[in-house]
Amino acid sequence: MALGLSDPVASVLGMALSIGMVTVDSADPSALSRFWASALDTTIITDYDGEFIMLAPPPQGGPLLAFQRVPEERSGKNRLHLDLGAPTGGRQAEVERLVQLGATALGERGDPAVFAWTTLTDPDATHHM
């Protein structure tokens, strides 16, 4: 029996790829990596002269994050953002902590009775939730 895309279990079992790292383009990778290291309670493990900086895996899990210098300015909306998780009932405290680290809170979204989130930007003005 041939396994194909019509068999979702076989498709998942046959998958060999995983997300190893998310790399963020930045005009200032040093500052941005320090922000995210503090935000995620991790450290910088590799720094190639401020041009490419990689963080250690966060203790809560997730892919590695890296930041690379790019010469061009970002234009338009982000095509990717990070959805950050906070402990139940702890979202507002985490938002306040991230703002103290240099994030900007843009506003609350959703329905607090059902599903809500806060939209923030990091110090490079990249939108995250």
C-alpha atoms as a PDB file:
ATOM      1  CA  MET A   1       0.000   0.000   0.000  1.00  0.00           C
ATOM      2  CA  ALA A   2       1.471   3.368  -1.023  1.00  0.00           C
ATOM      3  CA  LEU A   3       1.356   6.137   1.559  1.00  0.00           C
ATOM      4  CA  GLY A   4       0.543   9.606   0.323  1.00  0.00           C
ATOM      5  CA  LEU A   5      -0.845  12.971   1.322  1.00  0.00           C
ATOM      6  CA  SER A   6      -4.310  11.445   1.512  1.00  0.00           C
ATOM      7  CA  ASP A   7      -3.126   9.591   4.648  1.00  0.00           C
ATOM      8  CA  PRO A   8      -2.520  12.315   7.299  1.00  0.00           C
ATOM      9  CA  VAL A   9      -0.989   9.905   9.852  1.00  0.00           C
ATOM     10  CA  ALA A  10       1.518   8.632   7.301  1.00  0.00           C
ATOM     11  CA  SER A  11       2.331  12.206   6.291  1.00  0.00           C
ATOM     12  CA  VAL A  12       3.149  13.192   9.875  1.00  0.00           C
ATOM     13  CA  LEU A  13       5.103  10.017  10.605  1.00  0.00           C
ATOM     14  CA  GLY A  14       7.117  10.433   7.418  1.00  0.00           C
ATOM     15  CA  MET A  15       8.027  14.047   8.127  1.00  0.00           C
ATOM     16  CA  ALA A  16      11.752  14.593   8.701  1.00  0.00           C
ATOM     17  CA  LEU A  17      11.834  18.389   9.112  1.00  0.00           C
ATOM     18  CA  SER A  18      11.508  20.485  12.245  1.00  0.00           C
ATOM     19  CA  ILE A  19      12.015  24.172  12.990  1.00  0.00           C
ATOM     20  CA  GLY A  20      15.513  24.470  14.394  1.00  0.00           C
ATOM     21  CA  MET A  21      15.861  28.246  14.566  1.00  0.00           C
ATOM     22  CA  VAL A  22      14.016  31.440  13.732  1.00  0.00           C
ATOM     23  CA  THR A  23      16.317  34.192  12.430  1.00  0.00           C
ATOM     24  CA  VAL A  24      15.236  37.821  12.656  1.00  0.00           C
ATOM     25  CA  ASP A  25      16.652  40.522  10.375  1.00  0.00           C
ATOM     26  CA  SER A  26      17.660  43.630  12.307  1.00  0.00           C
ATOM     27  CA  ALA A  27      19.485  46.935  11.979  1.00  0.00           C
ATOM     28  CA  ASP A  28      20.882  46.386  15.506  1.00  0.00           C
ATOM     29  CA  PRO A  29      21.168  42.660  16.299  1.00  0.00           C
ATOM     30  CA  SER A  30      23.169  43.314  19.495  1.00  0.00           C
ATOM     31  CA  ALA A  31      20.443  45.384  21.156  1.00  0.00           C
ATOM     32  CA  LEU A  32      17.650  43.146  19.898  1.00  0.00           C
ATOM     33  CA  SER A  33      19.356  39.945  21.063  1.00  0.00           C
ATOM     34  CA  ARG A  34      19.870  41.421  24.553  1.00  0.00           C
ATOM     35  CA  PHE A  35      16.157  42.323  24.703  1.00  0.00           C
ATOM     36  CA  TRP A  36      15.042  38.826  23.677  1.00  0.00           C
ATOM     37  CA  ALA A  37      17.578  37.098  25.949  1.00  0.00           C
ATOM     38  CA  SER A  38      16.075  38.999  28.899  1.00  0.00           C
ATOM     39  CA  ALA A  39      12.495  38.503  27.722  1.00  0.00           C
ATOM     40  CA  LEU A  40      12.936  34.726  27.340  1.00  0.00           C
ATOM     41  CA  ASP A  41      15.221  34.237  30.370  1.00  0.00           C
ATOM     42  CA  THR A  42      18.087  32.912  28.266  1.00  0.00           C
ATOM     43  CA  THR A  43      21.577  33.956  27.191  1.00  0.00           C
ATOM     44  CA  ILE A  44      23.549  34.764  24.081  1.00  0.00           C
ATOM     45  CA  ILE A  45      25.560  31.699  23.044  1.00  0.00           C
ATOM     46  CA  THR A  46      27.098  32.894  19.773  1.00  0.00           C
ATOM     47  CA  ASP A  47      28.040  36.400  18.668  1.00  0.00           C
ATOM     48  CA  TYR A  48      29.790  36.883  15.336  1.00  0.00           C
ATOM     49  CA  ASP A  49      30.988  40.472  15.831  1.00  0.00           C
ATOM     50  CA  GLY A  50      27.444  41.772  16.222  1.00  0.00           C
ATOM     51  CA  GLU A  51      26.527  40.631  12.706  1.00  0.00           C
ATOM     52  CA  PHE A  52      24.839  37.333  13.660  1.00  0.00           C
ATOM     53  CA  ILE A  53      23.865  36.534  17.238  1.00  0.00           C
ATOM     54  CA  MET A  54      22.231  33.337  18.486  1.00  0.00           C
ATOM     55  CA  LEU A  55      20.435  32.789  21.798  1.00  0.00           C
ATOM     56  CA  ALA A  56      20.547  29.632  23.905  1.00  0.00           C
ATOM     57  CA  PRO A  57      17.339  27.603  23.918  1.00  0.00           C
ATOM     58  CA  PRO A  58      14.801  29.179  26.293  1.00  0.00           C
ATOM     59  CA  PRO A  59      14.249  27.139  29.479  1.00  0.00           C
ATOM     60  CA  GLN A  60      10.516  26.950  28.639  1.00  0.00           C
ATOM     61  CA  GLY A  61      11.306  25.365  25.260  1.00  0.00           C
ATOM     62  CA  GLY A  62      10.802  26.488  21.687  1.00  0.00           C
ATOM     63  CA  PRO A  63      13.090  27.011  18.708  1.00  0.00           C
ATOM     64  CA  LEU A  64      16.392  28.859  18.886  1.00  0.00           C
ATOM     65  CA  LEU A  65      16.300  32.561  18.048  1.00  0.00           C
ATOM     66  CA  ALA A  66      19.010  34.365  16.102  1.00  0.00           C
ATOM     67  CA  PHE A  67      19.401  37.956  14.933  1.00  0.00           C
ATOM     68  CA  GLN A  68      21.302  39.046  11.837  1.00  0.00           C
ATOM     69  CA  ARG A  69      22.290  42.496  10.648  1.00  0.00           C
ATOM     70  CA  VAL A  70      20.733  43.629   7.391  1.00  0.00           C
ATOM     71  CA  PRO A  71      21.417  46.954   5.660  1.00  0.00           C
ATOM     72  CA  GLU A  72      17.917  47.643   4.374  1.00  0.00           C
ATOM     73  CA  GLU A  73      15.060  49.064   6.412  1.00  0.00           C
ATOM     74  CA  ARG A  74      12.005  46.917   6.940  1.00  0.00           C
ATOM     75  CA  SER A  75       9.082  48.022   4.816  1.00  0.00           C
ATOM     76  CA  GLY A  76       5.476  47.001   5.250  1.00  0.00           C
ATOM     77  CA  LYS A  77       3.858  44.591   7.659  1.00  0.00           C
ATOM     78  CA  ASN A  78       5.769  41.678   9.168  1.00  0.00           C
ATOM     79  CA  ARG A  79       5.161  38.386   7.455  1.00  0.00           C
ATOM     80  CA  LEU A  80       6.013  36.508  10.646  1.00  0.00           C
ATOM     81  CA  HIS A  81       5.511  37.226  14.332  1.00  0.00           C
ATOM     82  CA  LEU A  82       6.016  35.320  17.556  1.00  0.00           C
ATOM     83  CA  ASP A  83       3.032  34.365  19.697  1.00  0.00           C
ATOM     84  CA  LEU A  84       4.351  34.407  23.247  1.00  0.00           C
ATOM     85  CA  GLY A  85       2.711  32.461  26.044  1.00  0.00           C
ATOM     86  CA  ALA A  86       2.335  33.555  29.668  1.00  0.00           C
ATOM     87  CA  PRO A  87       1.174  31.525  32.667  1.00  0.00           C
ATOM     88  CA  THR A  88      -2.584  31.532  33.219  1.00  0.00           C
ATOM     89  CA  GLY A  89      -3.540  34.863  34.757  1.00  0.00           C
ATOM     90  CA  GLY A  90      -0.045  36.264  34.212  1.00  0.00           C
ATOM     91  CA  ARG A  91      -0.371  38.005  30.847  1.00  0.00           C
ATOM     92  CA  GLN A  92      -0.583  41.551  32.232  1.00  0.00           C
ATOM     93  CA  ALA A  93       2.481  41.043  34.451  1.00  0.00           C
ATOM     94  CA  GLU A  94       4.450  39.710  31.465  1.00  0.00           C
ATOM     95  CA  VAL A  95       3.323  42.656  29.310  1.00  0.00           C
ATOM     96  CA  GLU A  96       4.512  45.069  32.006  1.00  0.00           C
ATOM     97  CA  ARG A  97       7.858  43.236  32.277  1.00  0.00           C
ATOM     98  CA  LEU A  98       8.388  43.314  28.494  1.00  0.00           C
ATOM     99  CA  VAL A  99       7.552  47.038  28.383  1.00  0.00           C
ATOM    100  CA  GLN A 100      10.156  47.660  31.095  1.00  0.00           C
ATOM    101  CA  LEU A 101      12.687  45.768  28.929  1.00  0.00           C
ATOM    102  CA  GLY A 102      11.947  48.016  25.927  1.00  0.00           C
ATOM    103  CA  ALA A 103       8.835  46.632  24.221  1.00  0.00           C
ATOM    104  CA  THR A 104       5.898  48.869  23.309  1.00  0.00           C
ATOM    105  CA  ALA A 105       2.338  47.730  24.050  1.00  0.00           C
ATOM    106  CA  LEU A 106       0.055  48.567  21.114  1.00  0.00           C
ATOM    107  CA  GLY A 107      -3.202  47.374  22.610  1.00  0.00           C
ATOM    108  CA  GLU A 108      -5.468  44.609  23.775  1.00  0.00           C
ATOM    109  CA  ARG A 109      -7.222  42.429  21.205  1.00  0.00           C
ATOM    110  CA  GLY A 110      -9.913  39.771  21.240  1.00  0.00           C
ATOM    111  CA  ASP A 111     -12.631  39.091  23.799  1.00  0.00           C
ATOM    112  CA  PRO A 112     -11.315  38.772  27.383  1.00  0.00           C
ATOM    113  CA  ALA A 113     -14.147  36.362  28.214  1.00  0.00           C
ATOM    114  CA  VAL A 114     -13.124  34.003  25.407  1.00  0.00           C
ATOM    115  CA  PHE A 115      -9.659  34.621  23.971  1.00  0.00           C
ATOM    116  CA  ALA A 116      -7.573  37.770  24.329  1.00  0.00           C
ATOM    117  CA  TRP A 117      -4.024  38.911  23.687  1.00  0.00           C
ATOM    118  CA  THR A 118      -1.837  41.995  23.820  1.00  0.00           C
ATOM    119  CA  THR A 119      -0.055  43.199  20.692  1.00  0.00           C
ATOM    120  CA  LEU A 120       3.464  44.480  21.375  1.00  0.00           C
ATOM    121  CA  THR A 121       6.471  45.554  19.362  1.00  0.00           C
ATOM    122  CA  ASP A 122      10.022  44.679  20.321  1.00  0.00           C
ATOM    123  CA  PRO A 123      12.681  47.449  20.322  1.00  0.00           C
ATOM    124  CA  ASP A 124      13.116  46.971  16.539  1.00  0.00           C
ATOM    125  CA  ALA A 125       9.374  47.714  16.098  1.00  0.00           C
ATOM    126  CA  THR A 126       8.615  44.122  15.062  1.00  0.00           C
ATOM    127  CA  HIS A 127       5.025  43.266  16.023  1.00  0.00           C
ATOM    128  CA  HIS A 128       4.456  40.270  18.302  1.00  0.00           C
ATOM    129  CA  MET A 129       1.549  38.976  20.324  1.00  0.00           C
END
